[in-house]
N, C-alpha and C. Protein backbone atom coordinates (compact mmCIF):
# COMPACT_ATOMS: atom_id res chain seq x y z
N MET A 1 2.17 54.97 33.47
CA MET A 1 1.07 55.26 34.34
C MET A 1 0.76 56.75 34.22
N ARG A 2 -0.52 57.05 34.25
CA ARG A 2 -0.96 58.44 34.19
C ARG A 2 -1.93 58.66 35.34
N VAL A 3 -1.68 59.69 36.14
CA VAL A 3 -2.53 59.99 37.30
C VAL A 3 -3.08 61.41 37.16
N THR A 4 -4.39 61.52 37.33
CA THR A 4 -5.04 62.83 37.27
C THR A 4 -6.07 62.91 38.41
N LYS A 5 -6.44 64.14 38.74
CA LYS A 5 -7.54 64.35 39.68
C LYS A 5 -8.82 64.32 38.87
N ASP A 6 -9.85 63.70 39.44
CA ASP A 6 -11.12 63.60 38.74
C ASP A 6 -12.25 63.74 39.75
N THR A 7 -13.46 63.84 39.24
CA THR A 7 -14.63 64.01 40.09
C THR A 7 -15.74 63.07 39.64
N ILE A 8 -16.39 62.43 40.60
CA ILE A 8 -17.57 61.64 40.30
C ILE A 8 -18.72 62.62 40.13
N VAL A 9 -19.27 62.68 38.94
CA VAL A 9 -20.28 63.68 38.61
C VAL A 9 -21.49 63.59 39.54
N LYS A 10 -21.96 62.40 39.78
CA LYS A 10 -23.20 62.21 40.55
C LYS A 10 -23.05 62.68 42.00
N THR A 11 -21.87 62.43 42.61
CA THR A 11 -21.69 62.75 44.03
C THR A 11 -20.81 63.96 44.29
N GLY A 12 -20.04 64.35 43.30
CA GLY A 12 -19.10 65.45 43.48
C GLY A 12 -17.82 65.04 44.19
N GLU A 13 -17.70 63.76 44.52
CA GLU A 13 -16.51 63.27 45.22
C GLU A 13 -15.29 63.33 44.30
N ARG A 14 -14.20 63.85 44.83
CA ARG A 14 -12.95 63.94 44.05
C ARG A 14 -12.06 62.77 44.38
N PHE A 15 -11.27 62.35 43.39
CA PHE A 15 -10.39 61.20 43.57
C PHE A 15 -9.23 61.27 42.59
N LEU A 16 -8.24 60.41 42.84
CA LEU A 16 -7.13 60.24 41.90
C LEU A 16 -7.54 59.16 40.91
N ASN A 17 -7.48 59.49 39.64
CA ASN A 17 -7.76 58.52 38.59
C ASN A 17 -6.41 58.02 38.07
N VAL A 18 -6.12 56.75 38.32
CA VAL A 18 -4.85 56.16 37.91
C VAL A 18 -5.10 55.27 36.70
N GLU A 19 -4.49 55.64 35.59
CA GLU A 19 -4.60 54.86 34.36
C GLU A 19 -3.26 54.18 34.13
N ALA A 20 -3.30 52.86 34.04
CA ALA A 20 -2.08 52.08 33.84
C ALA A 20 -2.30 51.14 32.66
N VAL A 21 -1.20 50.69 32.07
CA VAL A 21 -1.27 49.74 30.96
C VAL A 21 -0.33 48.59 31.28
N ILE A 22 -0.89 47.38 31.33
CA ILE A 22 -0.06 46.19 31.48
C ILE A 22 0.26 45.73 30.07
N THR A 23 1.54 45.67 29.76
CA THR A 23 1.98 45.28 28.42
C THR A 23 2.51 43.85 28.46
N ASP A 24 1.93 43.01 27.61
CA ASP A 24 2.33 41.61 27.51
C ASP A 24 2.78 41.37 26.08
N GLY A 25 4.08 41.50 25.87
CA GLY A 25 4.58 41.44 24.51
C GLY A 25 4.10 42.67 23.77
N LYS A 26 3.36 42.45 22.67
CA LYS A 26 2.82 43.58 21.92
C LYS A 26 1.39 43.92 22.32
N VAL A 27 0.80 43.09 23.17
CA VAL A 27 -0.59 43.29 23.59
C VAL A 27 -0.62 44.19 24.81
N LYS A 28 -1.48 45.22 24.74
CA LYS A 28 -1.59 46.16 25.85
C LYS A 28 -2.96 45.99 26.51
N HIS A 29 -2.94 45.98 27.84
CA HIS A 29 -4.17 45.83 28.62
C HIS A 29 -4.34 47.06 29.51
N PRO A 30 -5.16 48.03 29.08
CA PRO A 30 -5.35 49.23 29.89
C PRO A 30 -6.18 48.92 31.15
N ARG A 31 -5.82 49.58 32.23
CA ARG A 31 -6.51 49.42 33.50
C ARG A 31 -6.73 50.81 34.09
N SER A 32 -7.81 50.96 34.84
CA SER A 32 -8.10 52.23 35.48
C SER A 32 -8.45 51.96 36.94
N TYR A 33 -7.89 52.77 37.83
CA TYR A 33 -8.08 52.61 39.27
C TYR A 33 -8.41 53.97 39.88
N GLY A 34 -9.19 53.95 40.94
CA GLY A 34 -9.52 55.18 41.65
C GLY A 34 -9.03 55.12 43.08
N TYR A 35 -8.47 56.23 43.56
CA TYR A 35 -7.94 56.32 44.93
C TYR A 35 -8.36 57.65 45.54
N PRO A 36 -8.49 57.67 46.86
CA PRO A 36 -8.73 58.95 47.53
C PRO A 36 -7.58 59.92 47.23
N LEU A 37 -7.88 61.20 47.25
CA LEU A 37 -6.87 62.23 46.92
C LEU A 37 -5.63 62.16 47.80
N ASP A 38 -5.77 61.72 49.03
CA ASP A 38 -4.63 61.71 49.95
C ASP A 38 -3.86 60.38 49.96
N THR A 39 -4.07 59.54 48.96
CA THR A 39 -3.37 58.25 48.90
C THR A 39 -1.89 58.47 48.63
N PRO A 40 -1.01 57.89 49.47
CA PRO A 40 0.43 58.04 49.26
C PRO A 40 0.92 57.31 48.00
N LYS A 41 1.97 57.83 47.44
CA LYS A 41 2.58 57.26 46.23
C LYS A 41 2.92 55.79 46.43
N LYS A 42 3.49 55.45 47.59
CA LYS A 42 3.92 54.07 47.82
C LYS A 42 2.75 53.10 47.82
N VAL A 43 1.57 53.53 48.25
CA VAL A 43 0.38 52.67 48.24
C VAL A 43 -0.04 52.37 46.80
N ILE A 44 -0.06 53.40 45.98
CA ILE A 44 -0.45 53.21 44.57
C ILE A 44 0.57 52.34 43.86
N GLU A 45 1.86 52.58 44.09
CA GLU A 45 2.89 51.75 43.45
C GLU A 45 2.77 50.30 43.88
N ALA A 46 2.50 50.06 45.16
CA ALA A 46 2.34 48.69 45.64
C ALA A 46 1.13 48.02 44.99
N ASP A 47 0.04 48.78 44.85
CA ASP A 47 -1.15 48.23 44.19
C ASP A 47 -0.89 47.91 42.73
N MET A 48 -0.12 48.74 42.05
CA MET A 48 0.19 48.48 40.65
C MET A 48 1.06 47.21 40.52
N ALA A 49 1.99 47.03 41.46
CA ALA A 49 2.81 45.82 41.46
C ALA A 49 1.93 44.59 41.69
N LYS A 50 0.94 44.71 42.58
CA LYS A 50 0.01 43.60 42.83
C LYS A 50 -0.82 43.32 41.58
N ALA A 51 -1.21 44.37 40.86
CA ALA A 51 -2.01 44.20 39.65
C ALA A 51 -1.23 43.42 38.59
N VAL A 52 0.06 43.68 38.48
CA VAL A 52 0.89 42.95 37.51
C VAL A 52 1.02 41.49 37.94
N LYS A 53 1.23 41.25 39.23
CA LYS A 53 1.32 39.87 39.73
C LYS A 53 0.01 39.13 39.49
N LEU A 54 -1.11 39.80 39.75
CA LEU A 54 -2.41 39.19 39.52
C LEU A 54 -2.60 38.86 38.05
N TYR A 55 -2.20 39.76 37.17
CA TYR A 55 -2.30 39.51 35.73
C TYR A 55 -1.49 38.27 35.36
N ASP A 56 -0.26 38.17 35.88
CA ASP A 56 0.59 37.02 35.59
C ASP A 56 -0.04 35.72 36.10
N MET A 57 -0.63 35.76 37.29
CA MET A 57 -1.27 34.57 37.85
C MET A 57 -2.49 34.16 37.01
N GLU A 58 -3.29 35.14 36.61
CA GLU A 58 -4.46 34.85 35.79
C GLU A 58 -4.06 34.29 34.43
N LYS A 59 -2.98 34.80 33.88
CA LYS A 59 -2.49 34.31 32.59
C LYS A 59 -2.04 32.86 32.72
N ALA A 60 -1.34 32.54 33.81
CA ALA A 60 -0.88 31.16 34.05
C ALA A 60 -2.08 30.23 34.26
N GLN A 61 -3.08 30.70 34.99
CA GLN A 61 -4.28 29.89 35.21
C GLN A 61 -5.03 29.64 33.90
N ALA A 62 -5.09 30.64 33.05
CA ALA A 62 -5.76 30.49 31.76
C ALA A 62 -5.03 29.48 30.89
N ALA A 63 -3.70 29.52 30.91
CA ALA A 63 -2.91 28.56 30.14
C ALA A 63 -3.13 27.15 30.66
N ALA A 64 -3.17 27.00 31.99
CA ALA A 64 -3.40 25.68 32.58
C ALA A 64 -4.80 25.17 32.23
N ALA A 65 -5.78 26.05 32.25
CA ALA A 65 -7.15 25.66 31.91
C ALA A 65 -7.23 25.23 30.45
N GLU A 66 -6.52 25.94 29.60
CA GLU A 66 -6.51 25.60 28.17
C GLU A 66 -5.89 24.21 27.96
N GLU A 67 -4.83 23.92 28.69
CA GLU A 67 -4.18 22.62 28.60
C GLU A 67 -5.13 21.52 29.08
N THR A 68 -5.88 21.80 30.15
CA THR A 68 -6.85 20.83 30.67
C THR A 68 -7.93 20.55 29.63
N VAL A 69 -8.39 21.57 28.95
CA VAL A 69 -9.41 21.39 27.91
C VAL A 69 -8.87 20.50 26.79
N LYS A 70 -7.62 20.73 26.39
CA LYS A 70 -7.00 19.90 25.34
C LYS A 70 -6.92 18.44 25.80
N GLU A 71 -6.50 18.23 27.04
CA GLU A 71 -6.39 16.87 27.57
C GLU A 71 -7.76 16.21 27.64
N ASP A 72 -8.77 16.96 28.05
CA ASP A 72 -10.13 16.42 28.13
C ASP A 72 -10.65 16.04 26.74
N LYS A 73 -10.37 16.85 25.74
CA LYS A 73 -10.81 16.53 24.38
C LYS A 73 -10.14 15.26 23.89
N ALA A 74 -8.85 15.10 24.17
CA ALA A 74 -8.14 13.88 23.76
C ALA A 74 -8.72 12.67 24.49
N ALA A 75 -9.01 12.82 25.77
CA ALA A 75 -9.60 11.72 26.54
C ALA A 75 -10.98 11.38 26.01
N ASP A 76 -11.76 12.39 25.65
CA ASP A 76 -13.10 12.16 25.10
C ASP A 76 -13.03 11.35 23.81
N LYS A 77 -12.05 11.65 22.97
CA LYS A 77 -11.90 10.90 21.71
C LYS A 77 -11.56 9.44 22.00
N THR A 78 -10.69 9.22 22.98
CA THR A 78 -10.32 7.85 23.35
C THR A 78 -11.52 7.12 23.91
N ILE A 79 -12.27 7.79 24.78
CA ILE A 79 -13.47 7.18 25.36
C ILE A 79 -14.46 6.82 24.27
N GLU A 80 -14.69 7.73 23.35
CA GLU A 80 -15.62 7.49 22.25
C GLU A 80 -15.17 6.31 21.39
N ALA A 81 -13.89 6.24 21.14
CA ALA A 81 -13.35 5.18 20.30
C ALA A 81 -13.44 3.81 20.99
N LEU A 82 -13.31 3.79 22.31
CA LEU A 82 -13.28 2.53 23.04
C LEU A 82 -14.64 2.05 23.53
N ASN A 83 -15.55 2.95 23.80
CA ASN A 83 -16.86 2.55 24.32
C ASN A 83 -17.57 1.61 23.35
N GLY A 84 -18.05 0.51 23.89
CA GLY A 84 -18.79 -0.44 23.09
C GLY A 84 -17.92 -1.43 22.35
N THR A 85 -16.62 -1.31 22.40
CA THR A 85 -15.77 -2.29 21.70
C THR A 85 -15.65 -3.55 22.53
N LYS A 86 -15.46 -4.65 21.86
CA LYS A 86 -15.28 -5.94 22.51
C LYS A 86 -13.90 -6.48 22.16
N ILE A 87 -13.26 -7.03 23.17
CA ILE A 87 -11.94 -7.62 22.94
C ILE A 87 -12.10 -9.13 23.09
N THR A 88 -11.72 -9.84 22.05
CA THR A 88 -11.82 -11.29 22.07
C THR A 88 -10.52 -11.90 21.62
N ASN A 89 -10.38 -13.20 21.96
CA ASN A 89 -9.18 -13.95 21.51
C ASN A 89 -9.43 -14.48 20.14
């Protein structure tokens, strides 16, 4: 994590610019957050922990959605293969 003081050019408002990187294996996901200058360390650390939890939840949801798409494609193939068929003795 890298924290610096920064300024919003348009308004002149100063803030803490927090740059963090969530690393997932070899893949890095940079994130940037802004906080008021008087934000306590524990608040920022808690937010970063929440960001990692959120990333993990989103990753799990994406995996579940991908599995659902695979199941739907398999079901579509079965439906296509069976629609219009007749079963006789």
